[in-house]
Amino acid sequence: MSEQIARELGEISATLKSIQKTQNDQTVSLKSMDARMRNVETKGAVTGAVTGGVMAIAIALIKDTFKT
């Protein structure tokens, strides 16, 4: 009986270690994805701002052309 309990506790311990390793691996992966997404979002925001500025100037120039 004691050997069976020890064996089952060993299996449980191994399973928990495996789960903990998987969680640690996922944490590293998520941090990596978070850094990449932050970079993509920053580039998207800059691109949107520049495009918006260019369009605003273009529309202002078109309006001014038709006023005169």
Protein backbone atom coordinates (compact mmCIF):
# COMPACT_ATOMS: atom_id res chain seq x y z
CA MET A 1 0.00 0.00 0.00
CA SER A 2 2.78 2.41 0.95
CA GLU A 3 4.65 1.73 -2.31
CA GLN A 4 1.50 2.38 -4.32
CA ILE A 5 0.94 5.71 -2.55
CA ALA A 6 4.57 6.70 -3.09
CA ARG A 7 4.34 5.79 -6.77
CA GLU A 8 1.11 7.76 -7.23
CA LEU A 9 2.57 10.75 -5.40
CA GLY A 10 5.58 10.56 -7.72
CA GLU A 11 3.27 10.55 -10.75
CA ILE A 12 1.35 13.52 -9.37
CA SER A 13 4.60 15.36 -8.69
CA ALA A 14 5.84 14.69 -12.24
CA THR A 15 2.53 15.86 -13.69
CA LEU A 16 2.66 19.07 -11.66
CA LYS A 17 6.24 19.75 -12.77
CA SER A 18 5.17 19.23 -16.38
CA ILE A 19 2.25 21.63 -15.96
CA GLN A 20 4.51 24.22 -14.34
CA LYS A 21 7.05 23.93 -17.19
CA THR A 22 4.27 24.34 -19.75
CA GLN A 23 2.99 27.45 -17.95
CA ASN A 24 6.49 28.92 -17.83
CA ASP A 25 6.96 28.25 -21.55
CA GLN A 26 3.62 29.92 -22.31
CA THR A 27 4.56 32.93 -20.19
CA VAL A 28 7.77 33.38 -22.17
CA SER A 29 5.86 33.00 -25.43
CA LEU A 30 3.20 35.52 -24.40
CA LYS A 31 5.83 38.07 -23.34
CA SER A 32 7.51 37.67 -26.73
CA MET A 33 4.19 38.10 -28.55
CA ASP A 34 3.35 41.11 -26.40
CA ALA A 35 6.61 42.82 -27.35
CA ARG A 36 6.03 42.13 -31.06
CA MET A 37 2.43 43.36 -30.89
CA ARG A 38 3.51 46.55 -29.12
CA ASN A 39 5.95 47.18 -31.96
CA VAL A 40 3.26 46.53 -34.60
CA GLU A 41 0.73 48.75 -32.81
CA THR A 42 3.26 51.59 -32.54
CA LYS A 43 4.06 51.39 -36.25
CA GLY A 44 0.35 51.32 -37.06
CA ALA A 45 -0.32 54.39 -34.93
CA VAL A 46 2.52 56.32 -36.56
CA THR A 47 1.39 55.30 -40.03
CA GLY A 48 -2.18 56.35 -39.24
CA ALA A 49 -1.08 59.71 -37.88
CA VAL A 50 1.13 60.45 -40.88
CA THR A 51 -1.56 59.38 -43.32
CA GLY A 52 -4.15 61.50 -41.52
CA GLY A 53 -1.86 64.52 -41.65
CA VAL A 54 -1.15 64.07 -45.35
CA MET A 55 -4.86 63.71 -46.13
CA ALA A 56 -5.71 66.81 -44.08
CA ILE A 57 -3.14 68.86 -46.00
CA ALA A 58 -4.33 67.45 -49.33
CA ILE A 59 -7.96 68.27 -48.57
CA ALA A 60 -7.00 71.78 -47.39
CA LEU A 61 -5.08 72.35 -50.64
CA ILE A 62 -7.99 71.07 -52.74
CA LYS A 63 -10.42 73.33 -50.88
CA ASP A 64 -8.10 76.30 -51.32
CA THR A 65 -7.80 75.57 -55.05
CA PHE A 66 -11.57 75.73 -55.48
CA LYS A 67 -11.95 78.92 -53.41
CA THR A 68 -9.93 81.05 -55.79
